Amino acid sequence: MNTFRNETIKNDVQIYSNDFSITDKWVSTVPSFIYAIFAGALSDKYGRKPLILMPVFGNIIGGIFSVLNYAFIR
């Protein structure tokens, strides 16, 4: 009986984890597509260097938030 309960909980957690993973992929991919649509016209107007640096700064900010998240979880 206890083994069945553990399997049920395990399956529920896996389903929730899978849903979270799919949502994470969508949230991280969609802005890239939107950015790519406008990047060509913006590079003509402002040059390539600012458009190359924007994702770099975004990754740095994302890394900072990840560290802060880790620090506050502990």
PDB file of N, CA and C in Angstrom:
ATOM      1  N   MET A   1       0.832  -1.192   0.000  1.00  0.00           N
ATOM      2  CA  MET A   1       0.000   0.000   0.000  1.00  0.00           C
ATOM      3  C   MET A   1       0.877   1.257   0.000  1.00  0.00           C
ATOM      4  N   ASN A   2       1.914   1.287   0.800  1.00  0.00           N
ATOM      5  CA  ASN A   2       2.787   2.451   0.873  1.00  0.00           C
ATOM      6  C   ASN A   2       3.558   2.622  -0.432  1.00  0.00           C
ATOM      7  N   THR A   3       3.942   1.530  -1.064  1.00  0.00           N
ATOM      8  CA  THR A   3       4.649   1.604  -2.339  1.00  0.00           C
ATOM      9  C   THR A   3       3.757   2.222  -3.409  1.00  0.00           C
ATOM     10  N   PHE A   4       2.503   1.863  -3.422  1.00  0.00           N
ATOM     11  CA  PHE A   4       1.564   2.443  -4.384  1.00  0.00           C
ATOM     12  C   PHE A   4       1.426   3.946  -4.157  1.00  0.00           C
ATOM     13  N   ARG A   5       1.369   4.360  -2.921  1.00  0.00           N
ATOM     14  CA  ARG A   5       1.251   5.796  -2.591  1.00  0.00           C
ATOM     15  C   ARG A   5       2.495   6.543  -3.055  1.00  0.00           C
ATOM     16  N   ASN A   6       3.672   5.953  -2.846  1.00  0.00           N
ATOM     17  CA  ASN A   6       4.908   6.600  -3.280  1.00  0.00           C
ATOM     18  C   ASN A   6       4.963   6.716  -4.796  1.00  0.00           C
ATOM     19  N   GLU A   7       4.515   5.703  -5.503  1.00  0.00           N
ATOM     20  CA  GLU A   7       4.493   5.749  -6.969  1.00  0.00           C
ATOM     21  C   GLU A   7       3.529   6.829  -7.466  1.00  0.00           C
ATOM     22  N   THR A   8       2.408   6.971  -6.796  1.00  0.00           N
ATOM     23  CA  THR A   8       1.438   8.003  -7.171  1.00  0.00           C
ATOM     24  C   THR A   8       2.044   9.391  -6.990  1.00  0.00           C
ATOM     25  N   ILE A   9       2.693   9.604  -5.875  1.00  0.00           N
ATOM     26  CA  ILE A   9       3.336  10.892  -5.610  1.00  0.00           C
ATOM     27  C   ILE A   9       4.449  11.136  -6.628  1.00  0.00           C
ATOM     28  N   LYS A  10       5.229  10.103  -6.916  1.00  0.00           N
ATOM     29  CA  LYS A  10       6.313  10.216  -7.881  1.00  0.00           C
ATOM     30  C   LYS A  10       5.769  10.608  -9.262  1.00  0.00           C
ATOM     31  N   ASN A  11       4.698   9.983  -9.685  1.00  0.00           N
ATOM     32  CA  ASN A  11       4.098  10.308 -10.981  1.00  0.00           C
ATOM     33  C   ASN A  11       3.559  11.733 -11.010  1.00  0.00           C
ATOM     34  N   ASP A  12       2.932  12.157  -9.931  1.00  0.00           N
ATOM     35  CA  ASP A  12       2.413  13.531  -9.860  1.00  0.00           C
ATOM     36  C   ASP A  12       3.546  14.552  -9.942  1.00  0.00           C
ATOM     37  N   VAL A  13       4.632  14.283  -9.254  1.00  0.00           N
ATOM     38  CA  VAL A  13       5.779  15.197  -9.276  1.00  0.00           C
ATOM     39  C   VAL A  13       6.400  15.237 -10.665  1.00  0.00           C
ATOM     40  N   GLN A  14       6.502  14.112 -11.325  1.00  0.00           N
ATOM     41  CA  GLN A  14       7.065  14.080 -12.673  1.00  0.00           C
ATOM     42  C   GLN A  14       6.191  14.850 -13.660  1.00  0.00           C
ATOM     43  N   ILE A  15       4.895  14.724 -13.532  1.00  0.00           N
ATOM     44  CA  ILE A  15       3.990  15.475 -14.410  1.00  0.00           C
ATOM     45  C   ILE A  15       4.144  16.973 -14.171  1.00  0.00           C
ATOM     46  N   TYR A  16       4.173  17.379 -12.902  1.00  0.00           N
ATOM     47  CA  TYR A  16       4.342  18.793 -12.577  1.00  0.00           C
ATOM     48  C   TYR A  16       5.689  19.309 -13.076  1.00  0.00           C
ATOM     49  N   SER A  17       6.747  18.523 -12.902  1.00  0.00           N
ATOM     50  CA  SER A  17       8.083  18.915 -13.348  1.00  0.00           C
ATOM     51  C   SER A  17       8.131  19.051 -14.866  1.00  0.00           C
ATOM     52  N   ASN A  18       7.484  18.145 -15.564  1.00  0.00           N
ATOM     53  CA  ASN A  18       7.441  18.216 -17.021  1.00  0.00           C
ATOM     54  C   ASN A  18       6.696  19.469 -17.487  1.00  0.00           C
ATOM     55  N   ASP A  19       5.574  19.772 -16.856  1.00  0.00           N
ATOM     56  CA  ASP A  19       4.822  20.985 -17.205  1.00  0.00           C
ATOM     57  C   ASP A  19       5.666  22.233 -16.961  1.00  0.00           C
ATOM     58  N   PHE A  20       6.382  22.243 -15.854  1.00  0.00           N
ATOM     59  CA  PHE A  20       7.241  23.378 -15.531  1.00  0.00           C
ATOM     60  C   PHE A  20       8.361  23.510 -16.561  1.00  0.00           C
ATOM     61  N   SER A  21       8.939  22.403 -16.972  1.00  0.00           N
ATOM     62  CA  SER A  21      10.014  22.422 -17.955  1.00  0.00           C
ATOM     63  C   SER A  21       9.528  22.937 -19.304  1.00  0.00           C
ATOM     64  N   ILE A  22       8.356  22.498 -19.729  1.00  0.00           N
ATOM     65  CA  ILE A  22       7.797  22.963 -21.004  1.00  0.00           C
ATOM     66  C   ILE A  22       7.518  24.461 -20.947  1.00  0.00           C
ATOM     67  N   THR A  23       6.943  24.928 -19.848  1.00  0.00           N
ATOM     68  CA  THR A  23       6.669  26.358 -19.693  1.00  0.00           C
ATOM     69  C   THR A  23       7.964  27.155 -19.709  1.00  0.00           C
ATOM     70  N   ASP A  24       8.990  26.647 -19.054  1.00  0.00           N
ATOM     71  CA  ASP A  24      10.286  27.312 -19.030  1.00  0.00           C
ATOM     72  C   ASP A  24      10.866  27.440 -20.434  1.00  0.00           C
ATOM     73  N   LYS A  25      10.758  26.401 -21.212  1.00  0.00           N
ATOM     74  CA  LYS A  25      11.275  26.446 -22.590  1.00  0.00           C
ATOM     75  C   LYS A  25      10.528  27.480 -23.428  1.00  0.00           C
ATOM     76  N   TRP A  26       9.216  27.527 -23.303  1.00  0.00           N
ATOM     77  CA  TRP A  26       8.428  28.504 -24.052  1.00  0.00           C
ATOM     78  C   TRP A  26       8.774  29.929 -23.632  1.00  0.00           C
ATOM     79  N   VAL A  27       8.881  30.151 -22.325  1.00  0.00           N
ATOM     80  CA  VAL A  27       9.149  31.502 -21.820  1.00  0.00           C
ATOM     81  C   VAL A  27      10.539  31.968 -22.245  1.00  0.00           C
ATOM     82  N   SER A  28      11.478  31.057 -22.364  1.00  0.00           N
ATOM     83  CA  SER A  28      12.821  31.467 -22.767  1.00  0.00           C
ATOM     84  C   SER A  28      13.000  31.526 -24.276  1.00  0.00           C
ATOM     85  N   THR A  29      12.143  30.876 -25.043  1.00  0.00           N
ATOM     86  CA  THR A  29      12.297  30.839 -26.499  1.00  0.00           C
ATOM     87  C   THR A  29      11.511  31.933 -27.211  1.00  0.00           C
ATOM     88  N   VAL A  30      10.317  32.214 -26.776  1.00  0.00           N
ATOM     89  CA  VAL A  30       9.458  33.177 -27.472  1.00  0.00           C
ATOM     90  C   VAL A  30      10.088  34.568 -27.554  1.00  0.00           C
ATOM     91  N   PRO A  31      10.674  35.110 -26.479  1.00  0.00           N
ATOM     92  CA  PRO A  31      11.300  36.438 -26.620  1.00  0.00           C
ATOM     93  C   PRO A  31      12.429  36.463 -27.651  1.00  0.00           C
ATOM     94  N   SER A  32      13.143  35.352 -27.814  1.00  0.00           N
ATOM     95  CA  SER A  32      14.203  35.302 -28.825  1.00  0.00           C
ATOM     96  C   SER A  32      13.636  35.448 -30.223  1.00  0.00           C
ATOM     97  N   PHE A  33      12.517  34.799 -30.482  1.00  0.00           N
ATOM     98  CA  PHE A  33      11.886  34.931 -31.795  1.00  0.00           C
ATOM     99  C   PHE A  33      11.395  36.359 -32.026  1.00  0.00           C
ATOM    100  N   ILE A  34      10.807  36.945 -31.028  1.00  0.00           N
ATOM    101  CA  ILE A  34      10.326  38.322 -31.164  1.00  0.00           C
ATOM    102  C   ILE A  34      11.495  39.272 -31.387  1.00  0.00           C
ATOM    103  N   TYR A  35      12.583  39.067 -30.652  1.00  0.00           N
ATOM    104  CA  TYR A  35      13.783  39.892 -30.811  1.00  0.00           C
ATOM    105  C   TYR A  35      14.355  39.735 -32.215  1.00  0.00           C
ATOM    106  N   ALA A  36      14.371  38.520 -32.737  1.00  0.00           N
ATOM    107  CA  ALA A  36      14.932  38.268 -34.064  1.00  0.00           C
ATOM    108  C   ALA A  36      14.138  38.979 -35.159  1.00  0.00           C
ATOM    109  N   ILE A  37      12.847  39.105 -34.973  1.00  0.00           N
ATOM    110  CA  ILE A  37      12.016  39.776 -35.971  1.00  0.00           C
ATOM    111  C   ILE A  37      12.413  41.246 -36.110  1.00  0.00           C
ATOM    112  N   PHE A  38      12.697  41.900 -35.009  1.00  0.00           N
ATOM    113  CA  PHE A  38      13.003  43.330 -35.027  1.00  0.00           C
ATOM    114  C   PHE A  38      14.497  43.637 -35.094  1.00  0.00           C
ATOM    115  N   ALA A  39      15.355  42.649 -34.904  1.00  0.00           N
ATOM    116  CA  ALA A  39      16.794  42.899 -34.826  1.00  0.00           C
ATOM    117  C   ALA A  39      17.366  43.435 -36.130  1.00  0.00           C
ATOM    118  N   GLY A  40      16.888  42.960 -37.267  1.00  0.00           N
ATOM    119  CA  GLY A  40      17.428  43.419 -38.545  1.00  0.00           C
ATOM    120  C   GLY A  40      17.219  44.902 -38.759  1.00  0.00           C
ATOM    121  N   ALA A  41      16.006  45.364 -38.552  1.00  0.00           N
ATOM    122  CA  ALA A  41      15.708  46.786 -38.742  1.00  0.00           C
ATOM    123  C   ALA A  41      16.434  47.639 -37.701  1.00  0.00           C
ATOM    124  N   LEU A  42      16.512  47.139 -36.480  1.00  0.00           N
ATOM    125  CA  LEU A  42      17.195  47.916 -35.443  1.00  0.00           C
ATOM    126  C   LEU A  42      18.697  47.997 -35.701  1.00  0.00           C
ATOM    127  N   SER A  43      19.281  46.930 -36.271  1.00  0.00           N
ATOM    128  CA  SER A  43      20.720  46.972 -36.558  1.00  0.00           C
ATOM    129  C   SER A  43      21.031  47.970 -37.667  1.00  0.00           C
ATOM    130  N   ASP A  44      20.098  48.160 -38.598  1.00  0.00           N
ATOM    131  CA  ASP A  44      20.294  49.185 -39.626  1.00  0.00           C
ATOM    132  C   ASP A  44      20.290  50.583 -39.020  1.00  0.00           C
ATOM    133  N   LYS A  45      19.465  50.755 -38.007  1.00  0.00           N
ATOM    134  CA  LYS A  45      19.320  52.087 -37.415  1.00  0.00           C
ATOM    135  C   LYS A  45      20.412  52.386 -36.382  1.00  0.00           C
ATOM    136  N   TYR A  46      20.732  51.421 -35.501  1.00  0.00           N
ATOM    137  CA  TYR A  46      21.646  51.674 -34.391  1.00  0.00           C
ATOM    138  C   TYR A  46      23.002  50.985 -34.530  1.00  0.00           C
ATOM    139  N   GLY A  47      23.185  50.147 -35.519  1.00  0.00           N
ATOM    140  CA  GLY A  47      24.427  49.395 -35.654  1.00  0.00           C
ATOM    141  C   GLY A  47      24.299  48.036 -34.979  1.00  0.00           C
ATOM    142  N   ARG A  48      25.279  47.203 -35.215  1.00  0.00           N
ATOM    143  CA  ARG A  48      25.198  45.831 -34.700  1.00  0.00           C
ATOM    144  C   ARG A  48      25.631  45.697 -33.241  1.00  0.00           C
ATOM    145  N   LYS A  49      26.588  46.499 -32.833  1.00  0.00           N
ATOM    146  CA  LYS A  49      27.164  46.312 -31.502  1.00  0.00           C
ATOM    147  C   LYS A  49      26.130  46.413 -30.369  1.00  0.00           C
ATOM    148  N   PRO A  50      25.255  47.417 -30.341  1.00  0.00           N
ATOM    149  CA  PRO A  50      24.257  47.461 -29.256  1.00  0.00           C
ATOM    150  C   PRO A  50      23.327  46.249 -29.264  1.00  0.00           C
ATOM    151  N   LEU A  51      22.999  45.759 -30.451  1.00  0.00           N
ATOM    152  CA  LEU A  51      22.092  44.613 -30.530  1.00  0.00           C
ATOM    153  C   LEU A  51      22.778  43.324 -30.120  1.00  0.00           C
ATOM    154  N   ILE A  52      24.082  43.255 -30.289  1.00  0.00           N
ATOM    155  CA  ILE A  52      24.821  42.081 -29.827  1.00  0.00           C
ATOM    156  C   ILE A  52      24.972  42.125 -28.312  1.00  0.00           C
ATOM    157  N   LEU A  53      25.130  43.308 -27.757  1.00  0.00           N
ATOM    158  CA  LEU A  53      25.346  43.442 -26.315  1.00  0.00           C
ATOM    159  C   LEU A  53      24.069  43.267 -25.495  1.00  0.00           C
ATOM    160  N   MET A  54      22.918  43.545 -26.085  1.00  0.00           N
ATOM    161  CA  MET A  54      21.663  43.410 -25.327  1.00  0.00           C
ATOM    162  C   MET A  54      21.453  42.000 -24.773  1.00  0.00           C
ATOM    163  N   PRO A  55      21.598  40.933 -25.561  1.00  0.00           N
ATOM    164  CA  PRO A  55      21.437  39.591 -24.990  1.00  0.00           C
ATOM    165  C   PRO A  55      22.512  39.247 -23.961  1.00  0.00           C
ATOM    166  N   VAL A  56      23.706  39.794 -24.150  1.00  0.00           N
ATOM    167  CA  VAL A  56      24.778  39.543 -23.179  1.00  0.00           C
ATOM    168  C   VAL A  56      24.394  40.130 -21.826  1.00  0.00           C
ATOM    169  N   PHE A  57      23.918  41.369 -21.836  1.00  0.00           N
ATOM    170  CA  PHE A  57      23.481  41.985 -20.581  1.00  0.00           C
ATOM    171  C   PHE A  57      22.271  41.255 -19.993  1.00  0.00           C
ATOM    172  N   GLY A  58      21.389  40.782 -20.852  1.00  0.00           N
ATOM    173  CA  GLY A  58      20.253  39.996 -20.370  1.00  0.00           C
ATOM    174  C   GLY A  58      20.696  38.720 -19.672  1.00  0.00           C
ATOM    175  N   ASN A  59      21.700  38.054 -20.218  1.00  0.00           N
ATOM    176  CA  ASN A  59      22.221  36.845 -19.568  1.00  0.00           C
ATOM    177  C   ASN A  59      22.900  37.166 -18.247  1.00  0.00           C
ATOM    178  N   ILE A  60      23.609  38.283 -18.202  1.00  0.00           N
ATOM    179  CA  ILE A  60      24.249  38.689 -16.949  1.00  0.00           C
ATOM    180  C   ILE A  60      23.193  38.976 -15.881  1.00  0.00           C
ATOM    181  N   ILE A  61      22.155  39.701 -16.254  1.00  0.00           N
ATOM    182  CA  ILE A  61      21.071  40.004 -15.311  1.00  0.00           C
ATOM    183  C   ILE A  61      20.379  38.714 -14.865  1.00  0.00           C
ATOM    184  N   GLY A  62      20.150  37.792 -15.812  1.00  0.00           N
ATOM    185  CA  GLY A  62      19.555  36.508 -15.458  1.00  0.00           C
ATOM    186  C   GLY A  62      20.425  35.728 -14.495  1.00  0.00           C
ATOM    187  N   GLY A  63      21.729  35.766 -14.699  1.00  0.00           N
ATOM    188  CA  GLY A  63      22.658  35.096 -13.774  1.00  0.00           C
ATOM    189  C   GLY A  63      22.632  35.713 -12.389  1.00  0.00           C
ATOM    190  N   ILE A  64      22.550  37.034 -12.335  1.00  0.00           N
ATOM    191  CA  ILE A  64      22.471  37.709 -11.041  1.00  0.00           C
ATOM    192  C   ILE A  64      21.200  37.308 -10.295  1.00  0.00           C
ATOM    193  N   PHE A  65      20.079  37.264 -11.023  1.00  0.00           N
ATOM    194  CA  PHE A  65      18.830  36.841 -10.389  1.00  0.00           C
ATOM    195  C   PHE A  65      18.884  35.385  -9.937  1.00  0.00           C
ATOM    196  N   SER A  66      19.576  34.543 -10.684  1.00  0.00           N
ATOM    197  CA  SER A  66      19.714  33.142 -10.275  1.00  0.00           C
ATOM    198  C   SER A  66      20.517  33.031  -8.983  1.00  0.00           C
ATOM    199  N   VAL A  67      21.590  33.811  -8.881  1.00  0.00           N
ATOM    200  CA  VAL A  67      22.397  33.803  -7.654  1.00  0.00           C
ATOM    201  C   VAL A  67      21.580  34.334  -6.478  1.00  0.00           C
ATOM    202  N   LEU A  68      20.831  35.414  -6.694  1.00  0.00           N
ATOM    203  CA  LEU A  68      19.992  35.951  -5.624  1.00  0.00           C
ATOM    204  C   LEU A  68      18.922  34.952  -5.207  1.00  0.00           C
ATOM    205  N   ASN A  69      18.341  34.280  -6.171  1.00  0.00           N
ATOM    206  CA  ASN A  69      17.337  33.264  -5.873  1.00  0.00           C
ATOM    207  C   ASN A  69      17.945  32.147  -5.028  1.00  0.00           C
ATOM    208  N   TYR A  70      19.125  31.695  -5.411  1.00  0.00           N
ATOM    209  CA  TYR A  70      19.807  30.646  -4.655  1.00  0.00           C
ATOM    210  C   TYR A  70      20.133  31.123  -3.242  1.00  0.00           C
ATOM    211  N   ALA A  71      20.575  32.375  -3.133  1.00  0.00           N
ATOM    212  CA  ALA A  71      20.959  32.902  -1.821  1.00  0.00           C
ATOM    213  C   ALA A  71      19.743  32.998  -0.894  1.00  0.00           C
ATOM    214  N   PHE A  72      18.587  33.390  -1.422  1.00  0.00           N
ATOM    215  CA  PHE A  72      17.424  33.534  -0.580  1.00  0.00           C
ATOM    216  C   PHE A  72      16.738  32.213  -0.279  1.00  0.00           C
ATOM    217  N   ILE A  73      16.972  31.199  -1.103  1.00  0.00           N
ATOM    218  CA  ILE A  73      16.416  29.875  -0.804  1.00  0.00           C
ATOM    219  C   ILE A  73      17.110  29.283   0.408  1.00  0.00           C
ATOM    220  N   ARG A  74      18.404  29.494   0.507  1.00  0.00           N
ATOM    221  CA  ARG A  74      19.152  28.939   1.635  1.00  0.00           C
ATOM    222  C   ARG A  74      18.765  29.694   2.859  1.00  0.00           C
TER     223      ARG A  74
END
